[in-house]
Amino acid sequence: MTSAYNGPTASRLHALLAGADCLLLDFDGPVCRLFEGYPAHTIAAAMRAYLAERGSPLTDPALVTATDPHAILRAPMSGEPAADLELLLAEAEEIAARSAEPTPLADRFIRAAAAGGRLLAITSNNAPAAVAAYLKEHGLDDCFEQRIFGRSAVDPALMKPHPDCLLRAMDALGVRPADCLMIGDSAADAAAAGAAGVPFLGYARSTDQAAQLRTLGPHPVVVGMADLVAAIERIAAAAPEA
Protein backbone atom coordinates (compact mmCIF):
# COMPACT_ATOMS: atom_id res chain seq x y z
CA MET A 1 0.00 0.00 0.00
CA THR A 2 1.37 3.41 -0.96
CA SER A 3 1.77 5.79 1.96
CA ALA A 4 0.17 9.21 1.92
CA TYR A 5 2.59 12.05 1.30
CA ASN A 6 2.27 15.46 2.85
CA GLY A 7 5.30 17.48 1.87
CA PRO A 8 6.27 20.91 3.14
CA THR A 9 4.28 23.84 1.82
CA ALA A 10 5.84 25.95 -0.90
CA SER A 11 6.32 28.80 1.56
CA ARG A 12 8.10 26.57 4.10
CA LEU A 13 10.36 25.10 1.46
CA HIS A 14 11.14 28.59 0.17
CA ALA A 15 11.98 29.71 3.71
CA LEU A 16 14.25 26.71 4.32
CA LEU A 17 16.25 27.28 1.16
CA ALA A 18 16.30 31.07 1.42
CA GLY A 19 17.56 30.86 4.98
CA ALA A 20 20.46 28.56 4.13
CA ASP A 21 23.64 30.20 2.88
CA CYS A 22 25.21 26.77 2.42
CA LEU A 23 23.59 23.60 1.07
CA LEU A 24 25.23 20.32 2.10
CA LEU A 25 24.13 17.63 -0.32
CA ASP A 26 24.41 13.91 0.10
CA PHE A 27 25.68 12.42 -3.16
CA ASP A 28 24.14 8.98 -3.74
CA GLY A 29 20.44 9.84 -3.79
CA PRO A 30 19.88 13.58 -4.10
CA VAL A 31 22.49 14.00 -6.86
CA CYS A 32 22.51 10.61 -8.58
CA ARG A 33 22.01 6.89 -8.19
CA LEU A 34 25.65 5.95 -7.99
CA PHE A 35 25.33 2.18 -8.29
CA GLU A 36 22.72 2.06 -11.03
CA GLY A 37 25.09 0.68 -13.66
CA TYR A 38 27.55 -1.07 -11.35
CA PRO A 39 25.41 -2.57 -8.56
CA ALA A 40 26.47 -2.25 -4.95
CA HIS A 41 25.94 -5.96 -4.37
CA THR A 42 28.51 -6.76 -7.06
CA ILE A 43 31.06 -4.54 -5.35
CA ALA A 44 30.23 -6.05 -1.95
CA ALA A 45 30.80 -9.55 -3.35
CA ALA A 46 34.18 -8.48 -4.74
CA MET A 47 35.14 -7.07 -1.34
CA ARG A 48 34.21 -10.31 0.43
CA ALA A 49 36.13 -12.35 -2.12
CA TYR A 50 39.17 -10.09 -1.71
CA LEU A 51 39.20 -10.66 2.05
CA ALA A 52 38.68 -14.41 1.70
CA GLU A 53 41.58 -14.71 -0.74
CA ARG A 54 43.86 -13.03 1.79
CA GLY A 55 42.81 -15.21 4.69
CA SER A 56 40.68 -12.54 6.36
CA PRO A 57 37.13 -13.68 5.64
CA LEU A 58 34.22 -11.93 7.30
CA THR A 59 32.87 -13.94 10.22
CA ASP A 60 29.89 -11.80 11.18
CA PRO A 61 26.82 -13.65 9.84
CA ALA A 62 25.20 -10.33 9.00
CA LEU A 63 28.11 -9.43 6.72
CA VAL A 64 28.75 -12.79 5.05
CA THR A 65 25.96 -12.04 2.56
CA ALA A 66 25.93 -8.24 2.92
CA THR A 67 25.04 -6.30 -0.22
CA ASP A 68 26.16 -2.92 1.16
CA PRO A 69 29.86 -2.21 0.49
CA HIS A 70 29.94 0.39 3.26
CA ALA A 71 28.72 -2.15 5.80
CA ILE A 72 31.64 -4.39 4.88
CA LEU A 73 34.08 -1.48 5.06
CA ARG A 74 32.91 -0.79 8.61
CA ALA A 75 33.71 -4.35 9.72
CA PRO A 76 36.36 -4.43 12.47
CA MET A 77 39.78 -5.04 10.94
CA SER A 78 43.15 -3.39 10.97
CA GLY A 79 46.34 -3.10 9.02
CA GLU A 80 46.79 -3.97 5.37
CA PRO A 81 43.39 -5.62 4.74
CA ALA A 82 41.54 -2.51 5.92
CA ALA A 83 43.62 -0.16 3.77
CA ASP A 84 43.35 -2.43 0.74
CA LEU A 85 39.59 -2.75 1.16
CA GLU A 86 39.20 1.03 1.24
CA LEU A 87 41.24 1.33 -1.96
CA LEU A 88 39.20 -1.40 -3.65
CA LEU A 89 35.93 0.32 -2.77
CA ALA A 90 37.18 3.77 -3.79
CA GLU A 91 38.22 2.44 -7.19
CA ALA A 92 34.90 0.62 -7.62
CA GLU A 93 32.98 3.79 -6.80
CA GLU A 94 34.94 5.67 -9.45
CA ILE A 95 33.93 3.02 -11.97
CA ALA A 96 30.32 3.21 -10.77
CA ALA A 97 30.36 6.99 -11.22
CA ARG A 98 30.80 6.53 -14.99
CA SER A 99 27.41 4.82 -15.28
CA ALA A 100 25.60 6.54 -12.42
CA GLU A 101 22.05 7.67 -13.19
CA PRO A 102 21.43 11.38 -12.56
CA THR A 103 18.63 12.13 -10.16
CA PRO A 104 15.91 13.78 -12.26
CA LEU A 105 16.11 17.60 -12.04
CA ALA A 106 19.08 17.49 -9.65
CA ASP A 107 21.31 19.28 -12.16
CA ARG A 108 18.73 22.02 -12.57
CA PHE A 109 18.41 22.41 -8.79
CA ILE A 110 22.18 22.56 -8.34
CA ARG A 111 22.70 25.16 -11.07
CA ALA A 112 19.84 27.34 -9.81
CA ALA A 113 21.15 27.15 -6.25
CA ALA A 114 24.61 28.21 -7.39
CA ALA A 115 23.14 31.01 -9.52
CA GLY A 116 21.17 32.20 -6.50
CA GLY A 117 24.34 32.61 -4.46
CA ARG A 118 24.15 29.45 -2.38
CA LEU A 119 27.41 27.80 -1.35
CA LEU A 120 27.19 24.16 -2.40
CA ALA A 121 29.12 21.25 -0.94
CA ILE A 122 28.90 17.48 -1.09
CA THR A 123 28.91 15.63 2.25
CA SER A 124 29.01 11.94 1.45
CA ASN A 125 30.06 8.46 2.53
CA ASN A 126 31.41 7.90 -0.97
CA ALA A 127 35.00 8.38 -2.04
CA PRO A 128 35.79 12.01 -2.95
CA ALA A 129 37.38 10.98 -6.28
CA ALA A 130 34.17 9.22 -7.36
CA VAL A 131 32.10 12.29 -6.54
CA ALA A 132 34.52 14.56 -8.39
CA ALA A 133 34.48 12.28 -11.44
CA TYR A 134 30.69 12.34 -11.62
CA LEU A 135 30.41 16.11 -11.17
CA LYS A 136 32.98 16.74 -13.91
CA GLU A 137 31.33 14.28 -16.30
CA HIS A 138 27.98 16.01 -15.88
CA GLY A 139 29.26 19.59 -15.98
CA LEU A 140 28.46 20.32 -12.34
CA ASP A 141 31.99 20.69 -11.01
CA ASP A 142 31.97 24.48 -11.33
CA CYS A 143 28.98 24.63 -8.98
CA PHE A 144 31.00 22.95 -6.22
CA GLU A 145 34.57 24.11 -6.92
CA GLN A 146 36.20 21.18 -5.09
CA ARG A 147 33.89 21.48 -2.09
CA ILE A 148 33.65 17.70 -1.75
CA PHE A 149 33.79 16.20 1.72
CA GLY A 150 33.60 12.48 1.19
CA ARG A 151 34.58 9.40 3.11
CA SER A 152 37.74 9.58 5.14
CA ALA A 153 40.18 6.92 3.95
CA VAL A 154 41.65 6.80 7.46
CA ASP A 155 38.72 5.64 9.57
CA PRO A 156 35.49 4.08 8.21
CA ALA A 157 33.87 4.73 11.60
CA LEU A 158 33.75 8.41 10.61
CA MET A 159 31.20 7.72 7.87
CA LYS A 160 27.68 9.00 8.46
CA PRO A 161 25.80 8.72 10.81
CA HIS A 162 28.97 10.20 12.32
CA PRO A 163 28.90 13.95 11.57
CA ASP A 164 32.57 14.05 10.48
CA CYS A 165 32.02 15.01 6.82
CA LEU A 166 29.57 17.77 7.79
CA LEU A 167 31.91 19.12 10.45
CA ARG A 168 34.83 19.13 8.00
CA ALA A 169 32.70 20.94 5.44
CA MET A 170 31.57 23.66 7.82
CA ASP A 171 35.08 24.13 9.20
CA ALA A 172 36.60 24.44 5.72
CA LEU A 173 33.88 26.78 4.48
CA GLY A 174 33.69 28.91 7.61
CA VAL A 175 29.93 28.54 8.05
CA ARG A 176 27.79 27.91 11.11
CA PRO A 177 25.38 24.97 11.42
CA ALA A 178 22.44 27.38 11.49
CA ASP A 179 23.53 28.80 8.13
CA CYS A 180 23.39 25.37 6.46
CA LEU A 181 20.80 22.92 5.22
CA MET A 182 21.62 19.24 4.75
CA ILE A 183 19.70 17.43 2.01
CA GLY A 184 19.88 13.66 2.29
CA ASP A 185 17.91 10.50 1.71
CA SER A 186 18.74 8.20 4.60
CA ALA A 187 18.58 7.71 8.34
CA ALA A 188 22.36 8.11 8.44
CA ASP A 189 22.07 11.52 6.77
CA ALA A 190 19.43 12.66 9.24
CA ALA A 191 21.45 11.44 12.21
CA ALA A 192 24.66 13.09 10.98
CA ALA A 193 22.87 16.40 10.44
CA GLY A 194 21.33 16.20 13.89
CA ALA A 195 24.69 15.45 15.50
CA ALA A 196 26.25 18.41 13.68
CA GLY A 197 23.38 20.74 14.61
CA VAL A 198 22.47 21.28 10.95
CA PRO A 199 18.84 21.57 9.78
CA PHE A 200 17.84 18.57 7.66
CA LEU A 201 15.62 18.21 4.60
CA GLY A 202 14.81 14.68 3.55
CA TYR A 203 14.82 13.77 -0.14
CA ALA A 204 12.83 10.72 -1.24
CA ARG A 205 12.27 9.03 -4.59
CA SER A 206 8.86 7.69 -3.58
CA THR A 207 6.05 8.30 -1.11
CA ASP A 208 6.97 5.09 0.73
CA GLN A 209 10.55 6.28 1.19
CA ALA A 210 9.21 9.67 2.30
CA ALA A 211 7.09 7.96 4.96
CA GLN A 212 10.18 6.17 6.25
CA LEU A 213 12.18 9.39 6.41
CA ARG A 214 9.39 11.15 8.28
CA THR A 215 9.61 8.57 11.07
CA LEU A 216 13.14 9.77 11.82
CA GLY A 217 12.14 13.17 13.18
CA PRO A 218 10.12 16.33 12.61
CA HIS A 219 12.17 17.47 9.62
CA PRO A 220 10.41 18.13 6.28
CA VAL A 221 10.63 15.61 3.44
CA VAL A 222 10.16 16.13 -0.29
CA VAL A 223 9.44 13.53 -2.94
CA GLY A 224 11.44 14.20 -6.09
CA MET A 225 13.21 17.40 -7.03
CA ALA A 226 10.35 19.34 -8.66
CA ASP A 227 9.33 21.28 -5.56
CA LEU A 228 12.96 22.03 -4.70
CA VAL A 229 13.61 23.30 -8.21
CA ALA A 230 10.54 25.55 -8.15
CA ALA A 231 11.57 27.05 -4.81
CA ILE A 232 15.25 27.58 -5.60
CA GLU A 233 14.50 29.07 -9.02
CA ARG A 234 12.22 31.64 -7.41
CA ILE A 235 15.00 32.47 -4.96
CA ALA A 236 17.58 32.70 -7.74
CA ALA A 237 15.34 34.93 -9.82
CA ALA A 238 14.94 37.33 -6.89
CA ALA A 239 18.68 37.42 -6.07
CA PRO A 240 20.41 40.73 -6.89
CA GLU A 241 22.87 40.56 -9.74
CA ALA A 242 26.53 40.47 -8.71
C-alpha atoms as a PDB file:
ATOM      1  CA  MET A   1       0.000   0.000   0.000  1.00  0.00           C
ATOM      2  CA  THR A   2       1.374   3.406  -0.962  1.00  0.00           C
ATOM      3  CA  SER A   3       1.768   5.794   1.958  1.00  0.00           C
ATOM      4  CA  ALA A   4       0.170   9.212   1.919  1.00  0.00           C
ATOM      5  CA  TYR A   5       2.594  12.046   1.302  1.00  0.00           C
ATOM      6  CA  ASN A   6       2.268  15.457   2.849  1.00  0.00           C
ATOM      7  CA  GLY A   7       5.297  17.477   1.866  1.00  0.00           C
ATOM      8  CA  PRO A   8       6.267  20.909   3.141  1.00  0.00           C
ATOM      9  CA  THR A   9       4.282  23.839   1.820  1.00  0.00           C
ATOM     10  CA  ALA A  10       5.843  25.947  -0.904  1.00  0.00           C
ATOM     11  CA  SER A  11       6.317  28.798   1.563  1.00  0.00           C
ATOM     12  CA  ARG A  12       8.095  26.574   4.102  1.00  0.00           C
ATOM     13  CA  LEU A  13      10.357  25.096   1.455  1.00  0.00           C
ATOM     14  CA  HIS A  14      11.140  28.591   0.170  1.00  0.00           C
ATOM     15  CA  ALA A  15      11.980  29.709   3.714  1.00  0.00           C
ATOM     16  CA  LEU A  16      14.246  26.708   4.323  1.00  0.00           C
ATOM     17  CA  LEU A  17      16.253  27.284   1.164  1.00  0.00           C
ATOM     18  CA  ALA A  18      16.299  31.068   1.417  1.00  0.00           C
ATOM     19  CA  GLY A  19      17.563  30.857   4.984  1.00  0.00           C
ATOM     20  CA  ALA A  20      20.461  28.557   4.126  1.00  0.00           C
ATOM     21  CA  ASP A  21      23.641  30.199   2.881  1.00  0.00           C
ATOM     22  CA  CYS A  22      25.207  26.766   2.418  1.00  0.00           C
ATOM     23  CA  LEU A  23      23.588  23.604   1.067  1.00  0.00           C
ATOM     24  CA  LEU A  24      25.234  20.323   2.103  1.00  0.00           C
ATOM     25  CA  LEU A  25      24.134  17.628  -0.322  1.00  0.00           C
ATOM     26  CA  ASP A  26      24.412  13.912   0.099  1.00  0.00           C
ATOM     27  CA  PHE A  27      25.681  12.416  -3.161  1.00  0.00           C
ATOM     28  CA  ASP A  28      24.141   8.982  -3.736  1.00  0.00           C
ATOM     29  CA  GLY A  29      20.444   9.843  -3.793  1.00  0.00           C
ATOM     30  CA  PRO A  30      19.884  13.580  -4.095  1.00  0.00           C
ATOM     31  CA  VAL A  31      22.490  14.004  -6.860  1.00  0.00           C
ATOM     32  CA  CYS A  32      22.512  10.609  -8.578  1.00  0.00           C
ATOM     33  CA  ARG A  33      22.007   6.886  -8.189  1.00  0.00           C
ATOM     34  CA  LEU A  34      25.647   5.948  -7.992  1.00  0.00           C
ATOM     35  CA  PHE A  35      25.326   2.179  -8.291  1.00  0.00           C
ATOM     36  CA  GLU A  36      22.721   2.062 -11.034  1.00  0.00           C
ATOM     37  CA  GLY A  37      25.093   0.676 -13.659  1.00  0.00           C
ATOM     38  CA  TYR A  38      27.548  -1.068 -11.350  1.00  0.00           C
ATOM     39  CA  PRO A  39      25.415  -2.572  -8.564  1.00  0.00           C
ATOM     40  CA  ALA A  40      26.472  -2.252  -4.953  1.00  0.00           C
ATOM     41  CA  HIS A  41      25.940  -5.963  -4.369  1.00  0.00           C
ATOM     42  CA  THR A  42      28.505  -6.764  -7.063  1.00  0.00           C
ATOM     43  CA  ILE A  43      31.058  -4.539  -5.351  1.00  0.00           C
ATOM     44  CA  ALA A  44      30.231  -6.052  -1.954  1.00  0.00           C
ATOM     45  CA  ALA A  45      30.802  -9.549  -3.351  1.00  0.00           C
ATOM     46  CA  ALA A  46      34.183  -8.477  -4.741  1.00  0.00           C
ATOM     47  CA  MET A  47      35.139  -7.071  -1.336  1.00  0.00           C
ATOM     48  CA  ARG A  48      34.206 -10.310   0.431  1.00  0.00           C
ATOM     49  CA  ALA A  49      36.133 -12.349  -2.119  1.00  0.00           C
ATOM     50  CA  TYR A  50      39.169 -10.092  -1.706  1.00  0.00           C
ATOM     51  CA  LEU A  51      39.197 -10.657   2.048  1.00  0.00           C
ATOM     52  CA  ALA A  52      38.676 -14.412   1.699  1.00  0.00           C
ATOM     53  CA  GLU A  53      41.582 -14.713  -0.737  1.00  0.00           C
ATOM     54  CA  ARG A  54      43.858 -13.028   1.790  1.00  0.00           C
ATOM     55  CA  GLY A  55      42.806 -15.210   4.689  1.00  0.00           C
ATOM     56  CA  SER A  56      40.677 -12.538   6.356  1.00  0.00           C
ATOM     57  CA  PRO A  57      37.131 -13.684   5.636  1.00  0.00           C
ATOM     58  CA  LEU A  58      34.218 -11.932   7.299  1.00  0.00           C
ATOM     59  CA  THR A  59      32.873 -13.940  10.222  1.00  0.00           C
ATOM     60  CA  ASP A  60      29.890 -11.796  11.185  1.00  0.00           C
ATOM     61  CA  PRO A  61      26.824 -13.649   9.843  1.00  0.00           C
ATOM     62  CA  ALA A  62      25.203 -10.330   9.003  1.00  0.00           C
ATOM     63  CA  LEU A  63      28.111  -9.432   6.717  1.00  0.00           C
ATOM     64  CA  VAL A  64      28.749 -12.786   5.048  1.00  0.00           C
ATOM     65  CA  THR A  65      25.964 -12.044   2.563  1.00  0.00           C
ATOM     66  CA  ALA A  66      25.931  -8.242   2.924  1.00  0.00           C
ATOM     67  CA  THR A  67      25.041  -6.297  -0.222  1.00  0.00           C
ATOM     68  CA  ASP A  68      26.156  -2.920   1.159  1.00  0.00           C
ATOM     69  CA  PRO A  69      29.856  -2.207   0.488  1.00  0.00           C
ATOM     70  CA  HIS A  70      29.940   0.391   3.256  1.00  0.00           C
ATOM     71  CA  ALA A  71      28.717  -2.148   5.804  1.00  0.00           C
ATOM     72  CA  ILE A  72      31.644  -4.391   4.881  1.00  0.00           C
ATOM     73  CA  LEU A  73      34.079  -1.479   5.061  1.00  0.00           C
ATOM     74  CA  ARG A  74      32.908  -0.789   8.611  1.00  0.00           C
ATOM     75  CA  ALA A  75      33.712  -4.354   9.725  1.00  0.00           C
ATOM     76  CA  PRO A  76      36.358  -4.432  12.468  1.00  0.00           C
ATOM     77  CA  MET A  77      39.779  -5.037  10.944  1.00  0.00           C
ATOM     78  CA  SER A  78      43.145  -3.387  10.969  1.00  0.00           C
ATOM     79  CA  GLY A  79      46.343  -3.098   9.016  1.00  0.00           C
ATOM     80  CA  GLU A  80      46.793  -3.966   5.370  1.00  0.00           C
ATOM     81  CA  PRO A  81      43.387  -5.624   4.740  1.00  0.00           C
ATOM     82  CA  ALA A  82      41.536  -2.514   5.915  1.00  0.00           C
ATOM     83  CA  ALA A  83      43.616  -0.162   3.767  1.00  0.00           C
ATOM     84  CA  ASP A  84      43.347  -2.431   0.737  1.00  0.00           C
ATOM     85  CA  LEU A  85      39.591  -2.751   1.160  1.00  0.00           C
ATOM     86  CA  GLU A  86      39.204   1.034   1.241  1.00  0.00           C
ATOM     87  CA  LEU A  87      41.242   1.331  -1.960  1.00  0.00           C
ATOM     88  CA  LEU A  88      39.203  -1.404  -3.653  1.00  0.00           C
ATOM     89  CA  LEU A  89      35.926   0.324  -2.770  1.00  0.00           C
ATOM     90  CA  ALA A  90      37.181   3.765  -3.790  1.00  0.00           C
ATOM     91  CA  GLU A  91      38.222   2.437  -7.193  1.00  0.00           C
ATOM     92  CA  ALA A  92      34.897   0.619  -7.616  1.00  0.00           C
ATOM     93  CA  GLU A  93      32.982   3.793  -6.801  1.00  0.00           C
ATOM     94  CA  GLU A  94      34.939   5.671  -9.454  1.00  0.00           C
ATOM     95  CA  ILE A  95      33.931   3.023 -11.974  1.00  0.00           C
ATOM     96  CA  ALA A  96      30.322   3.212 -10.773  1.00  0.00           C
ATOM     97  CA  ALA A  97      30.361   6.990 -11.221  1.00  0.00           C
ATOM     98  CA  ARG A  98      30.802   6.533 -14.990  1.00  0.00           C
ATOM     99  CA  SER A  99      27.414   4.823 -15.276  1.00  0.00           C
ATOM    100  CA  ALA A 100      25.595   6.544 -12.421  1.00  0.00           C
ATOM    101  CA  GLU A 101      22.052   7.672 -13.195  1.00  0.00           C
ATOM    102  CA  PRO A 102      21.435  11.383 -12.563  1.00  0.00           C
ATOM    103  CA  THR A 103      18.628  12.131 -10.158  1.00  0.00           C
ATOM    104  CA  PRO A 104      15.905  13.784 -12.257  1.00  0.00           C
ATOM    105  CA  LEU A 105      16.115  17.600 -12.042  1.00  0.00           C
ATOM    106  CA  ALA A 106      19.080  17.488  -9.649  1.00  0.00           C
ATOM    107  CA  ASP A 107      21.315  19.277 -12.158  1.00  0.00           C
ATOM    108  CA  ARG A 108      18.725  22.023 -12.566  1.00  0.00           C
ATOM    109  CA  PHE A 109      18.410  22.412  -8.794  1.00  0.00           C
ATOM    110  CA  ILE A 110      22.180  22.564  -8.335  1.00  0.00           C
ATOM    111  CA  ARG A 111      22.703  25.157 -11.067  1.00  0.00           C
ATOM    112  CA  ALA A 112      19.836  27.337  -9.811  1.00  0.00           C
ATOM    113  CA  ALA A 113      21.153  27.149  -6.246  1.00  0.00           C
ATOM    114  CA  ALA A 114      24.607  28.213  -7.386  1.00  0.00           C
ATOM    115  CA  ALA A 115      23.142  31.006  -9.517  1.00  0.00           C
ATOM    116  CA  GLY A 116      21.168  32.200  -6.497  1.00  0.00           C
ATOM    117  CA  GLY A 117      24.336  32.609  -4.461  1.00  0.00           C
ATOM    118  CA  ARG A 118      24.152  29.447  -2.383  1.00  0.00           C
ATOM    119  CA  LEU A 119      27.411  27.802  -1.348  1.00  0.00           C
ATOM    120  CA  LEU A 120      27.189  24.159  -2.399  1.00  0.00           C
ATOM    121  CA  ALA A 121      29.120  21.249  -0.941  1.00  0.00           C
ATOM    122  CA  ILE A 122      28.900  17.475  -1.088  1.00  0.00           C
ATOM    123  CA  THR A 123      28.908  15.635   2.251  1.00  0.00           C
ATOM    124  CA  SER A 124      29.013  11.942   1.447  1.00  0.00           C
ATOM    125  CA  ASN A 125      30.056   8.460   2.533  1.00  0.00           C
ATOM    126  CA  ASN A 126      31.408   7.902  -0.970  1.00  0.00           C
ATOM    127  CA  ALA A 127      35.005   8.377  -2.037  1.00  0.00           C
ATOM    128  CA  PRO A 128      35.792  12.013  -2.954  1.00  0.00           C
ATOM    129  CA  ALA A 129      37.376  10.982  -6.278  1.00  0.00           C
ATOM    130  CA  ALA A 130      34.171   9.219  -7.355  1.00  0.00           C
ATOM    131  CA  VAL A 131      32.103  12.294  -6.539  1.00  0.00           C
ATOM    132  CA  ALA A 132      34.524  14.562  -8.391  1.00  0.00           C
ATOM    133  CA  ALA A 133      34.480  12.279 -11.441  1.00  0.00           C
ATOM    134  CA  TYR A 134      30.689  12.335 -11.619  1.00  0.00           C
ATOM    135  CA  LEU A 135      30.410  16.112 -11.174  1.00  0.00           C
ATOM    136  CA  LYS A 136      32.976  16.744 -13.911  1.00  0.00           C
ATOM    137  CA  GLU A 137      31.333  14.276 -16.295  1.00  0.00           C
ATOM    138  CA  HIS A 138      27.977  16.012 -15.875  1.00  0.00           C
ATOM    139  CA  GLY A 139      29.261  19.585 -15.976  1.00  0.00           C
ATOM    140  CA  LEU A 140      28.464  20.320 -12.338  1.00  0.00           C
ATOM    141  CA  ASP A 141      31.993  20.688 -11.008  1.00  0.00           C
ATOM    142  CA  ASP A 142      31.968  24.479 -11.332  1.00  0.00           C
ATOM    143  CA  CYS A 143      28.985  24.635  -8.979  1.00  0.00           C
ATOM    144  CA  PHE A 144      31.000  22.952  -6.217  1.00  0.00           C
ATOM    145  CA  GLU A 145      34.567  24.115  -6.922  1.00  0.00           C
ATOM    146  CA  GLN A 146      36.202  21.184  -5.091  1.00  0.00           C
ATOM    147  CA  ARG A 147      33.885  21.479  -2.093  1.00  0.00           C
ATOM    148  CA  ILE A 148      33.652  17.704  -1.750  1.00  0.00           C
ATOM    149  CA  PHE A 149      33.791  16.203   1.716  1.00  0.00           C
ATOM    150  CA  GLY A 150      33.597  12.481   1.186  1.00  0.00           C
ATOM    151  CA  ARG A 151      34.582   9.395   3.110  1.00  0.00           C
ATOM    152  CA  SER A 152      37.742   9.577   5.141  1.00  0.00           C
ATOM    153  CA  ALA A 153      40.175   6.917   3.955  1.00  0.00           C
ATOM    154  CA  VAL A 154      41.655   6.805   7.460  1.00  0.00           C
ATOM    155  CA  ASP A 155      38.723   5.636   9.569  1.00  0.00           C
ATOM    156  CA  PRO A 156      35.486   4.080   8.208  1.00  0.00           C
ATOM    157  CA  ALA A 157      33.873   4.728  11.600  1.00  0.00           C
ATOM    158  CA  LEU A 158      33.749   8.409  10.614  1.00  0.00           C
ATOM    159  CA  MET A 159      31.198   7.720   7.867  1.00  0.00           C
ATOM    160  CA  LYS A 160      27.679   8.995   8.459  1.00  0.00           C
ATOM    161  CA  PRO A 161      25.804   8.721  10.809  1.00  0.00           C
ATOM    162  CA  HIS A 162      28.970  10.196  12.323  1.00  0.00           C
ATOM    163  CA  PRO A 163      28.904  13.949  11.565  1.00  0.00           C
ATOM    164  CA  ASP A 164      32.569  14.055  10.475  1.00  0.00           C
ATOM    165  CA  CYS A 165      32.017  15.007   6.825  1.00  0.00           C
ATOM    166  CA  LEU A 166      29.568  17.768   7.787  1.00  0.00           C
ATOM    167  CA  LEU A 167      31.911  19.123  10.446  1.00  0.00           C
ATOM    168  CA  ARG A 168      34.827  19.125   7.999  1.00  0.00           C
ATOM    169  CA  ALA A 169      32.705  20.943   5.442  1.00  0.00           C
ATOM    170  CA  MET A 170      31.573  23.657   7.820  1.00  0.00           C
ATOM    171  CA  ASP A 171      35.082  24.127   9.196  1.00  0.00           C
ATOM    172  CA  ALA A 172      36.597  24.439   5.717  1.00  0.00           C
ATOM    173  CA  LEU A 173      33.878  26.783   4.475  1.00  0.00           C
ATOM    174  CA  GLY A 174      33.685  28.913   7.612  1.00  0.00           C
ATOM    175  CA  VAL A 175      29.932  28.536   8.047  1.00  0.00           C
ATOM    176  CA  ARG A 176      27.791  27.907  11.115  1.00  0.00           C
ATOM    177  CA  PRO A 177      25.381  24.969  11.417  1.00  0.00           C
ATOM    178  CA  ALA A 178      22.439  27.377  11.490  1.00  0.00           C
ATOM    179  CA  ASP A 179      23.528  28.802   8.131  1.00  0.00           C
ATOM    180  CA  CYS A 180      23.394  25.366   6.463  1.00  0.00           C
ATOM    181  CA  LEU A 181      20.800  22.920   5.221  1.00  0.00           C
ATOM    182  CA  MET A 182      21.623  19.243   4.749  1.00  0.00           C
ATOM    183  CA  ILE A 183      19.702  17.427   2.005  1.00  0.00           C
ATOM    184  CA  GLY A 184      19.878  13.656   2.287  1.00  0.00           C
ATOM    185  CA  ASP A 185      17.908  10.500   1.706  1.00  0.00           C
ATOM    186  CA  SER A 186      18.737   8.204   4.605  1.00  0.00           C
ATOM    187  CA  ALA A 187      18.580   7.712   8.338  1.00  0.00           C
ATOM    188  CA  ALA A 188      22.364   8.114   8.435  1.00  0.00           C
ATOM    189  CA  ASP A 189      22.072  11.524   6.766  1.00  0.00           C
ATOM    190  CA  ALA A 190      19.430  12.659   9.236  1.00  0.00           C
ATOM    191  CA  ALA A 191      21.452  11.436  12.208  1.00  0.00           C
ATOM    192  CA  ALA A 192      24.658  13.092  10.984  1.00  0.00           C
ATOM    193  CA  ALA A 193      22.868  16.396  10.436  1.00  0.00           C
ATOM    194  CA  GLY A 194      21.326  16.200  13.893  1.00  0.00           C
ATOM    195  CA  ALA A 195      24.692  15.448  15.504  1.00  0.00           C
ATOM    196  CA  ALA A 196      26.249  18.410  13.676  1.00  0.00           C
ATOM    197  CA  GLY A 197      23.383  20.742  14.605  1.00  0.00           C
ATOM    198  CA  VAL A 198      22.474  21.280  10.947  1.00  0.00           C
ATOM    199  CA  PRO A 199      18.840  21.574   9.777  1.00  0.00           C
ATOM    200  CA  PHE A 200      17.843  18.572   7.664  1.00  0.00           C
ATOM    201  CA  LEU A 201      15.619  18.205   4.601  1.00  0.00           C
ATOM    202  CA  GLY A 202      14.809  14.682   3.549  1.00  0.00           C
ATOM    203  CA  TYR A 203      14.823  13.773  -0.139  1.00  0.00           C
ATOM    204  CA  ALA A 204      12.835  10.718  -1.238  1.00  0.00           C
ATOM    205  CA  ARG A 205      12.272   9.030  -4.586  1.00  0.00           C
ATOM    206  CA  SER A 206       8.858   7.690  -3.576  1.00  0.00           C
ATOM    207  CA  THR A 207       6.055   8.301  -1.105  1.00  0.00           C
ATOM    208  CA  ASP A 208       6.968   5.094   0.729  1.00  0.00           C
ATOM    209  CA  GLN A 209      10.548   6.281   1.188  1.00  0.00           C
ATOM    210  CA  ALA A 210       9.211   9.665   2.301  1.00  0.00           C
ATOM    211  CA  ALA A 211       7.090   7.963   4.958  1.00  0.00           C
ATOM    212  CA  GLN A 212      10.181   6.168   6.253  1.00  0.00           C
ATOM    213  CA  LEU A 213      12.182   9.392   6.413  1.00  0.00           C
ATOM    214  CA  ARG A 214       9.393  11.148   8.275  1.00  0.00           C
ATOM    215  CA  THR A 215       9.605   8.568  11.073  1.00  0.00           C
ATOM    216  CA  LEU A 216      13.143   9.773  11.825  1.00  0.00           C
ATOM    217  CA  GLY A 217      12.137  13.170  13.177  1.00  0.00           C
ATOM    218  CA  PRO A 218      10.124  16.334  12.612  1.00  0.00           C
ATOM    219  CA  HIS A 219      12.169  17.470   9.624  1.00  0.00           C
ATOM    220  CA  PRO A 220      10.414  18.127   6.278  1.00  0.00           C
ATOM    221  CA  VAL A 221      10.628  15.610   3.441  1.00  0.00           C
ATOM    222  CA  VAL A 222      10.162  16.134  -0.293  1.00  0.00           C
ATOM    223  CA  VAL A 223       9.437  13.526  -2.945  1.00  0.00           C
ATOM    224  CA  GLY A 224      11.438  14.195  -6.089  1.00  0.00           C
ATOM    225  CA  MET A 225      13.206  17.403  -7.030  1.00  0.00           C
ATOM    226  CA  ALA A 226      10.353  19.336  -8.662  1.00  0.00           C
ATOM    227  CA  ASP A 227       9.326  21.283  -5.556  1.00  0.00           C
ATOM    228  CA  LEU A 228      12.956  22.031  -4.702  1.00  0.00           C
ATOM    229  CA  VAL A 229      13.605  23.297  -8.208  1.00  0.00           C
ATOM    230  CA  ALA A 230      10.541  25.552  -8.149  1.00  0.00           C
ATOM    231  CA  ALA A 231      11.568  27.051  -4.806  1.00  0.00           C
ATOM    232  CA  ILE A 232      15.247  27.578  -5.604  1.00  0.00           C
ATOM    233  CA  GLU A 233      14.501  29.074  -9.023  1.00  0.00           C
ATOM    234  CA  ARG A 234      12.217  31.640  -7.406  1.00  0.00           C
ATOM    235  CA  ILE A 235      14.998  32.475  -4.962  1.00  0.00           C
ATOM    236  CA  ALA A 236      17.583  32.695  -7.744  1.00  0.00           C
ATOM    237  CA  ALA A 237      15.337  34.933  -9.821  1.00  0.00           C
ATOM    238  CA  ALA A 238      14.943  37.329  -6.892  1.00  0.00           C
ATOM    239  CA  ALA A 239      18.675  37.422  -6.074  1.00  0.00           C
ATOM    240  CA  PRO A 240      20.409  40.730  -6.894  1.00  0.00           C
ATOM    241  CA  GLU A 241      22.867  40.557  -9.745  1.00  0.00           C
ATOM    242  CA  ALA A 242      26.531  40.469  -8.713  1.00  0.00           C
END
